[in-house]
N, C-alpha and C. Protein backbone atom coordinates (compact mmCIF):
# COMPACT_ATOMS: atom_id res chain seq x y z
N UNK A 1 0.67 -1.28 -0.14
CA UNK A 1 0.21 -0.02 -0.47
C UNK A 1 0.93 1.20 -0.04
N UNK A 2 0.62 1.75 -1.47
CA UNK A 2 1.05 3.28 -0.91
C UNK A 2 1.10 4.21 0.06
N UNK A 3 2.14 4.84 1.27
CA UNK A 3 1.93 5.64 1.97
C UNK A 3 1.36 7.29 0.95
N UNK A 4 0.03 7.28 1.20
CA UNK A 4 -0.27 8.70 0.49
C UNK A 4 -0.20 10.04 1.72
N UNK A 5 0.17 11.23 1.61
CA UNK A 5 0.59 12.54 2.32
C UNK A 5 -1.68 12.72 3.20
N UNK A 6 -1.59 13.09 4.19
CA UNK A 6 -3.11 13.27 4.26
C UNK A 6 -3.47 14.72 3.01
N UNK A 7 -4.83 14.84 3.23
CA UNK A 7 -5.07 16.24 2.55
C UNK A 7 -3.92 17.46 3.15
N UNK A 8 -4.46 17.55 4.31
CA UNK A 8 -3.67 18.89 4.99
C UNK A 8 -2.26 19.05 4.46
N UNK A 9 -1.61 18.16 4.65
CA UNK A 9 0.13 17.57 4.51
C UNK A 9 -0.49 18.41 2.71
N UNK A 10 -1.16 17.65 2.25
CA UNK A 10 -0.60 17.57 0.57
C UNK A 10 -1.01 18.97 0.19
N UNK A 11 -2.32 20.23 0.54
CA UNK A 11 -1.89 21.29 0.63
C UNK A 11 -1.41 21.93 1.09
N UNK A 12 -0.48 21.38 2.13
CA UNK A 12 0.45 22.77 2.61
C UNK A 12 1.83 22.59 1.93
N UNK A 13 2.05 21.04 1.24
CA UNK A 13 3.20 20.89 -0.10
C UNK A 13 2.91 21.49 -1.31
N UNK A 14 1.82 22.10 -1.56
CA UNK A 14 1.67 22.60 -2.45
C UNK A 14 1.50 24.35 -2.68
N UNK A 15 1.34 24.92 -1.84
CA UNK A 15 1.66 25.33 -1.36
C UNK A 15 2.66 26.24 -1.18
N UNK A 16 3.39 25.89 -0.58
CA UNK A 16 4.55 26.00 -0.25
C UNK A 16 5.92 25.86 -1.21
N UNK A 17 5.57 24.62 -2.13
CA UNK A 17 6.15 24.79 -3.47
C UNK A 17 6.07 25.95 -4.23
N UNK A 18 4.91 26.22 -4.21
CA UNK A 18 4.06 27.56 -5.27
C UNK A 18 4.97 28.60 -4.56
N UNK A 19 4.62 29.07 -3.47
CA UNK A 19 5.58 30.13 -2.99
C UNK A 19 6.68 30.02 -3.55
N UNK A 20 7.68 28.92 -3.09
CA UNK A 20 9.43 28.23 -3.58
C UNK A 20 9.19 29.63 -4.90
N UNK A 21 8.58 28.06 -5.67
CA UNK A 21 9.50 27.98 -7.76
C UNK A 21 8.40 30.15 -7.89
N UNK A 22 7.81 30.38 -6.75
CA UNK A 22 7.62 32.03 -7.29
C UNK A 22 8.06 33.25 -6.80
N UNK A 23 9.38 32.57 -5.39
CA UNK A 23 9.76 33.85 -5.35
C UNK A 23 11.46 33.51 -6.06
N UNK A 24 11.63 32.01 -6.36
CA UNK A 24 13.10 31.40 -7.35
C UNK A 24 12.42 32.10 -8.64
N UNK A 25 11.71 32.69 -8.61
CA UNK A 25 11.79 33.49 -10.80
C UNK A 25 11.22 32.41 -11.56
N UNK A 26 11.37 30.86 -10.96
CA UNK A 26 10.74 29.43 -11.79
C UNK A 26 9.44 30.04 -12.44
N UNK A 27 9.06 30.27 -11.81
CA UNK A 27 7.82 30.62 -12.50
C UNK A 27 6.62 32.15 -12.88
N UNK A 28 5.78 32.60 -13.93
CA UNK A 28 5.32 34.20 -13.46
C UNK A 28 4.64 33.88 -14.03
N UNK A 29 4.04 34.45 -13.01
CA UNK A 29 2.48 35.37 -12.57
C UNK A 29 1.69 33.39 -12.27
N UNK A 30 0.92 33.48 -13.21
CA UNK A 30 -0.31 32.18 -13.19
C UNK A 30 0.44 30.81 -13.82
N UNK A 31 1.51 31.07 -14.58
CA UNK A 31 2.43 29.49 -14.46
C UNK A 31 2.75 29.28 -13.64
N UNK A 32 3.10 27.70 -13.95
CA UNK A 32 3.22 26.26 -13.40
C UNK A 32 2.15 25.95 -12.32
N UNK A 33 2.43 24.56 -12.72
CA UNK A 33 0.69 23.77 -12.18
C UNK A 33 1.67 22.53 -11.45
N UNK A 34 0.64 22.40 -9.97
CA UNK A 34 0.73 21.23 -9.36
C UNK A 34 -0.20 20.52 -8.85
N UNK A 35 0.20 18.84 -8.00
CA UNK A 35 -0.73 18.23 -7.90
C UNK A 35 -0.49 16.90 -6.85
N UNK A 36 -0.83 17.12 -5.98
CA UNK A 36 -0.46 16.08 -4.85
C UNK A 36 -1.86 14.72 -4.99
N UNK A 37 -1.04 13.61 -5.36
CA UNK A 37 -2.32 12.40 -5.13
C UNK A 37 -2.63 12.14 -3.48
N UNK A 38 -3.61 12.28 -3.37
CA UNK A 38 -3.77 11.67 -1.57
C UNK A 38 -4.54 10.80 -1.48
N UNK A 39 -4.60 9.86 -2.59
CA UNK A 39 -5.48 8.44 -2.60
C UNK A 39 -5.54 7.47 -3.56
N UNK A 40 -5.82 6.70 -3.35
CA UNK A 40 -5.85 5.69 -4.48
C UNK A 40 -6.85 6.05 -6.24
N UNK A 41 -7.43 7.58 -5.74
CA UNK A 41 -8.45 7.88 -6.20
C UNK A 41 -8.61 9.50 -5.99
N UNK A 42 -8.42 10.67 -5.66
CA UNK A 42 -8.16 11.57 -5.08
C UNK A 42 -6.78 12.68 -5.08
N UNK A 43 -6.78 13.49 -5.82
CA UNK A 43 -6.05 14.45 -5.56
C UNK A 43 -5.77 15.90 -5.97
N UNK A 44 -4.47 16.90 -5.34
CA UNK A 44 -5.18 18.35 -5.13
C UNK A 44 -4.46 18.68 -6.18
N UNK A 45 -4.88 19.64 -6.79
CA UNK A 45 -4.26 20.64 -7.53
C UNK A 45 -4.93 21.86 -7.60
N UNK A 46 -3.20 22.86 -7.92
CA UNK A 46 -3.47 24.49 -8.10
C UNK A 46 -4.84 24.79 -9.44
N UNK A 47 -5.29 25.64 -8.73
CA UNK A 47 -6.64 26.00 -9.92
C UNK A 47 -5.72 26.82 -11.32
N UNK A 48 -6.63 27.68 -11.92
CA UNK A 48 -6.38 28.13 -13.06
C UNK A 48 -5.94 29.74 -12.76
N UNK A 49 -4.78 29.91 -13.16
CA UNK A 49 -5.18 31.90 -12.77
C UNK A 49 -5.29 32.45 -11.73
N UNK A 50 -4.30 31.47 -11.19
CA UNK A 50 -4.05 32.01 -9.91
C UNK A 50 -2.02 31.43 -9.53
N UNK A 51 -2.04 33.07 -9.20
CA UNK A 51 -0.22 33.13 -9.15
C UNK A 51 -0.22 32.22 -7.93
N UNK A 52 0.86 31.58 -8.15
CA UNK A 52 1.45 30.26 -7.23
C UNK A 52 2.29 31.31 -6.07
N UNK A 53 2.76 32.51 -6.33
CA UNK A 53 3.32 32.69 -4.71
C UNK A 53 1.98 33.67 -3.96
N UNK A 54 0.74 33.58 -4.15
CA UNK A 54 -0.40 34.27 -3.98
C UNK A 54 -1.31 32.99 -3.05
N UNK A 55 -1.10 31.91 -3.78
CA UNK A 55 -2.41 30.67 -3.89
C UNK A 55 -2.90 30.45 -1.78
N UNK A 56 -3.71 30.26 -1.69
CA UNK A 56 -4.27 30.22 -0.38
C UNK A 56 -5.02 29.02 -0.63
N UNK A 57 -5.09 28.30 0.84
CA UNK A 57 -5.74 26.81 0.90
C UNK A 57 -6.94 26.54 0.72
N UNK A 58 -7.71 27.76 0.88
CA UNK A 58 -8.87 27.52 -0.08
C UNK A 58 -9.51 27.80 -1.65
N UNK A 59 -7.93 28.11 -1.94
CA UNK A 59 -8.30 28.11 -4.14
C UNK A 59 -7.68 26.35 -3.96
N UNK A 60 -6.99 25.63 -3.27
CA UNK A 60 -6.96 24.17 -4.40
C UNK A 60 -7.96 23.69 -4.27
N UNK A 61 -7.82 22.49 -5.66
CA UNK A 61 -9.20 21.94 -5.58
C UNK A 61 -8.95 20.51 -5.49
N UNK A 62 -9.30 19.55 -5.04
CA UNK A 62 -9.76 18.39 -4.51
C UNK A 62 -10.63 17.54 -6.18
N UNK A 63 -10.05 16.58 -6.75
CA UNK A 63 -10.07 16.11 -8.46
C UNK A 63 -10.18 14.58 -7.79
N UNK A 64 -11.33 13.79 -8.29
CA UNK A 64 -11.06 12.58 -8.11
C UNK A 64 -10.26 12.02 -10.36
N UNK A 65 -9.89 10.96 -9.75
CA UNK A 65 -9.16 10.52 -10.64
C UNK A 65 -9.99 9.97 -11.95
N UNK A 66 -10.16 9.17 -11.54
CA UNK A 66 -11.38 8.88 -12.49
C UNK A 66 -12.75 9.44 -13.59
N UNK A 67 -13.31 10.52 -12.38
CA UNK A 67 -13.92 11.55 -13.28
C UNK A 67 -13.60 13.17 -12.54
N UNK A 68 -13.05 13.29 -13.43
CA UNK A 68 -12.38 14.87 -12.84
C UNK A 68 -13.84 16.10 -12.63
N UNK A 69 -14.35 16.09 -11.65
CA UNK A 69 -14.75 17.33 -11.20
C UNK A 69 -14.69 18.37 -10.48
N UNK A 70 -15.30 19.90 -10.66
CA UNK A 70 -14.77 20.44 -9.39
C UNK A 70 -16.11 21.03 -8.96
N UNK A 71 -16.00 21.16 -7.22
CA UNK A 71 -17.28 22.64 -7.62
C UNK A 71 -16.68 24.16 -7.46
N UNK A 72 -15.99 24.60 -6.66
CA UNK A 72 -15.56 26.16 -6.53
C UNK A 72 -14.73 26.20 -8.19
N UNK A 73 -13.46 26.43 -7.60
CA UNK A 73 -12.76 27.10 -8.87
C UNK A 73 -12.09 25.89 -9.54
N UNK A 74 -11.74 26.05 -10.92
CA UNK A 74 -11.26 25.49 -11.81
C UNK A 74 -10.43 25.08 -11.66
N UNK A 75 -10.00 23.89 -12.08
CA UNK A 75 -8.23 23.05 -12.08
C UNK A 75 -7.34 23.76 -13.00
N UNK A 76 -6.30 23.81 -13.08
CA UNK A 76 -5.46 24.44 -14.17
C UNK A 76 -5.71 23.53 -15.10
N UNK A 77 -4.77 24.24 -16.48
CA UNK A 77 -5.87 23.72 -17.77
C UNK A 77 -4.38 22.45 -18.02
N UNK A 78 -3.80 22.63 -17.18
CA UNK A 78 -2.85 20.72 -17.56
C UNK A 78 -3.59 19.64 -16.25
N UNK A 79 -4.08 19.93 -15.59
CA UNK A 79 -4.84 19.03 -15.13
C UNK A 79 -4.87 17.18 -16.04
N UNK A 80 -5.41 17.84 -17.14
CA UNK A 80 -5.73 16.15 -17.75
C UNK A 80 -3.64 15.64 -18.01
N UNK A 81 -3.06 16.34 -18.11
CA UNK A 81 -1.90 16.13 -18.40
C UNK A 81 -1.43 15.11 -16.83
N UNK A 82 -1.38 16.27 -15.71
CA UNK A 82 -1.51 15.07 -14.39
C UNK A 82 -2.05 14.15 -14.24
N UNK A 83 -3.41 13.49 -14.75
CA UNK A 83 -4.12 12.69 -14.12
C UNK A 83 -3.31 11.65 -15.15
N UNK A 84 -3.29 11.67 -16.81
CA UNK A 84 -2.38 10.85 -16.89
C UNK A 84 -1.38 10.38 -16.08
N UNK A 85 -0.58 11.05 -15.86
CA UNK A 85 1.17 10.79 -15.47
C UNK A 85 0.34 10.02 -14.35
N UNK A 86 -0.34 10.16 -13.16
CA UNK A 86 -0.86 8.84 -12.47
C UNK A 86 -1.80 8.16 -12.68
């Protein structure tokens, strides 16, 4: 069994990575997309149209691998690539 991170840890990791890549100039404004798998069928992804250095926990999008859907924010445009890799 794969030891997946908790939702809280996954969200914290995405926010920390987003801040780091933005502060280091590795992405500009809304560029870059991050995701963390948290279970057999679930992952957290960054939203579209949001600066990775300014993201907050409530902006992140939780999705499933088999039926990508979201309620509040639209996930990154590259989510399909992330899903394919997972």
